[in-house]
Amino acid sequence: MKNDHIILHTDPSDPEDFDVTIEALDRAQRARLVRQTRTRLGMSQSEFAGRFRVPVGTLRDWEQARVTPPDYVIGYMKVIGQHPELVARSIA
């Protein structure tokens, strides 16, 4: 972590703020995409996980940025976001 490049430095006037690395920003953006895909469909985590065959714990970890979703998951989320019915039918 000491060698990670800081892209957003801590705000000295905010005691709860922290430095943001490139890796942390990427993880947060991926988490946001997963969460927005689900919420735009109006689904709970368990509904989304069941419909698109993703373990609910994994989905939760992705959405909360505890685990970085791999590139193929990002592609899957983009396709789900554009064609949710087609994806659901194709895996049924």
C-alpha atoms as a PDB file:
ATOM      1  CA  MET A   1       0.000   0.000   0.000  1.00  0.00           C
ATOM      2  CA  LYS A   2       2.899   2.377   0.616  1.00  0.00           C
ATOM      3  CA  ASN A   3       3.784   2.290  -3.083  1.00  0.00           C
ATOM      4  CA  ASP A   4       0.221   2.856  -4.350  1.00  0.00           C
ATOM      5  CA  HIS A   5      -0.213   6.117  -6.212  1.00  0.00           C
ATOM      6  CA  ILE A   6      -2.470   8.549  -4.387  1.00  0.00           C
ATOM      7  CA  ILE A   7      -4.913  10.245  -6.740  1.00  0.00           C
ATOM      8  CA  LEU A   8      -7.033  12.047  -4.170  1.00  0.00           C
ATOM      9  CA  HIS A   9      -5.299  13.316  -1.053  1.00  0.00           C
ATOM     10  CA  THR A  10      -6.841  13.572   2.383  1.00  0.00           C
ATOM     11  CA  ASP A  11      -8.724  16.767   3.179  1.00  0.00           C
ATOM     12  CA  PRO A  12      -6.820  18.088   6.215  1.00  0.00           C
ATOM     13  CA  SER A  13      -9.954  19.804   7.533  1.00  0.00           C
ATOM     14  CA  ASP A  14     -11.885  16.490   7.642  1.00  0.00           C
ATOM     15  CA  PRO A  15     -10.719  14.131  10.406  1.00  0.00           C
ATOM     16  CA  GLU A  16     -12.588  11.177   8.837  1.00  0.00           C
ATOM     17  CA  ASP A  17     -11.205  11.632   5.316  1.00  0.00           C
ATOM     18  CA  PHE A  18      -8.507   9.398   3.827  1.00  0.00           C
ATOM     19  CA  ASP A  19      -6.211   9.205   0.805  1.00  0.00           C
ATOM     20  CA  VAL A  20      -7.644   7.432  -2.235  1.00  0.00           C
ATOM     21  CA  THR A  21      -5.472   5.266  -4.450  1.00  0.00           C
ATOM     22  CA  ILE A  22      -6.086   4.389  -8.093  1.00  0.00           C
ATOM     23  CA  GLU A  23      -6.952   0.851  -7.022  1.00  0.00           C
ATOM     24  CA  ALA A  24      -9.462   2.041  -4.407  1.00  0.00           C
ATOM     25  CA  LEU A  25     -11.145   4.385  -6.877  1.00  0.00           C
ATOM     26  CA  ASP A  26     -11.426   1.591  -9.454  1.00  0.00           C
ATOM     27  CA  ARG A  27     -12.927  -0.746  -6.841  1.00  0.00           C
ATOM     28  CA  ALA A  28     -15.444   1.924  -5.800  1.00  0.00           C
ATOM     29  CA  GLN A  29     -16.470   2.626  -9.396  1.00  0.00           C
ATOM     30  CA  ARG A  30     -16.976  -1.079 -10.056  1.00  0.00           C
ATOM     31  CA  ALA A  31     -19.011  -1.415  -6.851  1.00  0.00           C
ATOM     32  CA  ARG A  32     -21.174   1.509  -7.935  1.00  0.00           C
ATOM     33  CA  LEU A  33     -21.828  -0.048 -11.352  1.00  0.00           C
ATOM     34  CA  VAL A  34     -22.940  -3.337  -9.780  1.00  0.00           C
ATOM     35  CA  ARG A  35     -25.174  -1.569  -7.245  1.00  0.00           C
ATOM     36  CA  GLN A  36     -26.693   0.792  -9.844  1.00  0.00           C
ATOM     37  CA  THR A  37     -27.410  -2.076 -12.219  1.00  0.00           C
ATOM     38  CA  ARG A  38     -29.375  -3.863  -9.500  1.00  0.00           C
ATOM     39  CA  THR A  39     -31.200  -0.806  -8.193  1.00  0.00           C
ATOM     40  CA  ARG A  40     -32.190   0.388 -11.676  1.00  0.00           C
ATOM     41  CA  LEU A  41     -33.942  -2.938 -12.104  1.00  0.00           C
ATOM     42  CA  GLY A  42     -35.729  -2.354  -8.800  1.00  0.00           C
ATOM     43  CA  MET A  43     -34.477  -5.582  -7.297  1.00  0.00           C
ATOM     44  CA  SER A  44     -33.235  -6.517  -3.844  1.00  0.00           C
ATOM     45  CA  GLN A  45     -29.851  -8.153  -3.552  1.00  0.00           C
ATOM     46  CA  SER A  46     -31.418 -11.567  -3.057  1.00  0.00           C
ATOM     47  CA  GLU A  47     -33.787 -11.118  -6.032  1.00  0.00           C
ATOM     48  CA  PHE A  48     -30.970  -9.994  -8.308  1.00  0.00           C
ATOM     49  CA  ALA A  49     -28.645 -12.753  -7.109  1.00  0.00           C
ATOM     50  CA  GLY A  50     -31.274 -15.409  -7.707  1.00  0.00           C
ATOM     51  CA  ARG A  51     -32.328 -14.151 -11.091  1.00  0.00           C
ATOM     52  CA  PHE A  52     -28.831 -13.718 -12.503  1.00  0.00           C
ATOM     53  CA  ARG A  53     -27.184 -16.634 -10.658  1.00  0.00           C
ATOM     54  CA  VAL A  54     -24.735 -14.708  -8.522  1.00  0.00           C
ATOM     55  CA  PRO A  55     -24.175 -15.810  -4.923  1.00  0.00           C
ATOM     56  CA  VAL A  56     -25.832 -13.166  -2.740  1.00  0.00           C
ATOM     57  CA  GLY A  57     -22.759 -12.898  -0.489  1.00  0.00           C
ATOM     58  CA  THR A  58     -20.563 -12.280  -3.526  1.00  0.00           C
ATOM     59  CA  LEU A  59     -22.956  -9.630  -4.831  1.00  0.00           C
ATOM     60  CA  ARG A  60     -22.952  -7.948  -1.421  1.00  0.00           C
ATOM     61  CA  ASP A  61     -19.140  -7.979  -1.319  1.00  0.00           C
ATOM     62  CA  TRP A  62     -18.978  -6.420  -4.787  1.00  0.00           C
ATOM     63  CA  GLU A  63     -21.534  -3.728  -3.947  1.00  0.00           C
ATOM     64  CA  GLN A  64     -19.804  -2.813  -0.695  1.00  0.00           C
ATOM     65  CA  ALA A  65     -16.385  -2.775  -2.410  1.00  0.00           C
ATOM     66  CA  ARG A  66     -15.001  -5.425  -0.073  1.00  0.00           C
ATOM     67  CA  VAL A  67     -14.043  -7.437  -3.160  1.00  0.00           C
ATOM     68  CA  THR A  68     -13.255  -6.002  -6.587  1.00  0.00           C
ATOM     69  CA  PRO A  69     -15.476  -7.536  -9.269  1.00  0.00           C
ATOM     70  CA  PRO A  70     -13.357  -8.937 -12.121  1.00  0.00           C
ATOM     71  CA  ASP A  71     -13.560  -7.535 -15.645  1.00  0.00           C
ATOM     72  CA  TYR A  72     -15.945 -10.247 -16.854  1.00  0.00           C
ATOM     73  CA  VAL A  73     -18.399  -9.313 -14.088  1.00  0.00           C
ATOM     74  CA  ILE A  74     -18.342  -5.698 -15.222  1.00  0.00           C
ATOM     75  CA  GLY A  75     -19.185  -6.875 -18.747  1.00  0.00           C
ATOM     76  CA  TYR A  76     -21.960  -9.104 -17.375  1.00  0.00           C
ATOM     77  CA  MET A  77     -23.426  -6.192 -15.399  1.00  0.00           C
ATOM     78  CA  LYS A  78     -23.433  -3.964 -18.466  1.00  0.00           C
ATOM     79  CA  VAL A  79     -25.282  -6.606 -20.494  1.00  0.00           C
ATOM     80  CA  ILE A  80     -27.752  -7.195 -17.646  1.00  0.00           C
ATOM     81  CA  GLY A  81     -28.333  -3.450 -17.444  1.00  0.00           C
ATOM     82  CA  GLN A  82     -29.181  -3.241 -21.142  1.00  0.00           C
ATOM     83  CA  HIS A  83     -30.971  -6.583 -21.651  1.00  0.00           C
ATOM     84  CA  PRO A  84     -32.108  -8.014 -18.301  1.00  0.00           C
ATOM     85  CA  GLU A  85     -34.874 -10.209 -19.739  1.00  0.00           C
ATOM     86  CA  LEU A  86     -32.631 -11.661 -22.424  1.00  0.00           C
ATOM     87  CA  VAL A  87     -29.966 -12.517 -19.860  1.00  0.00           C
ATOM     88  CA  ALA A  88     -32.519 -14.057 -17.480  1.00  0.00           C
ATOM     89  CA  ARG A  89     -33.966 -16.200 -20.278  1.00  0.00           C
ATOM     90  CA  SER A  90     -30.543 -17.293 -21.484  1.00  0.00           C
ATOM     91  CA  ILE A  91     -29.566 -18.717 -18.084  1.00  0.00           C
ATOM     92  CA  ALA A  92     -32.953 -20.228 -17.191  1.00  0.00           C
END
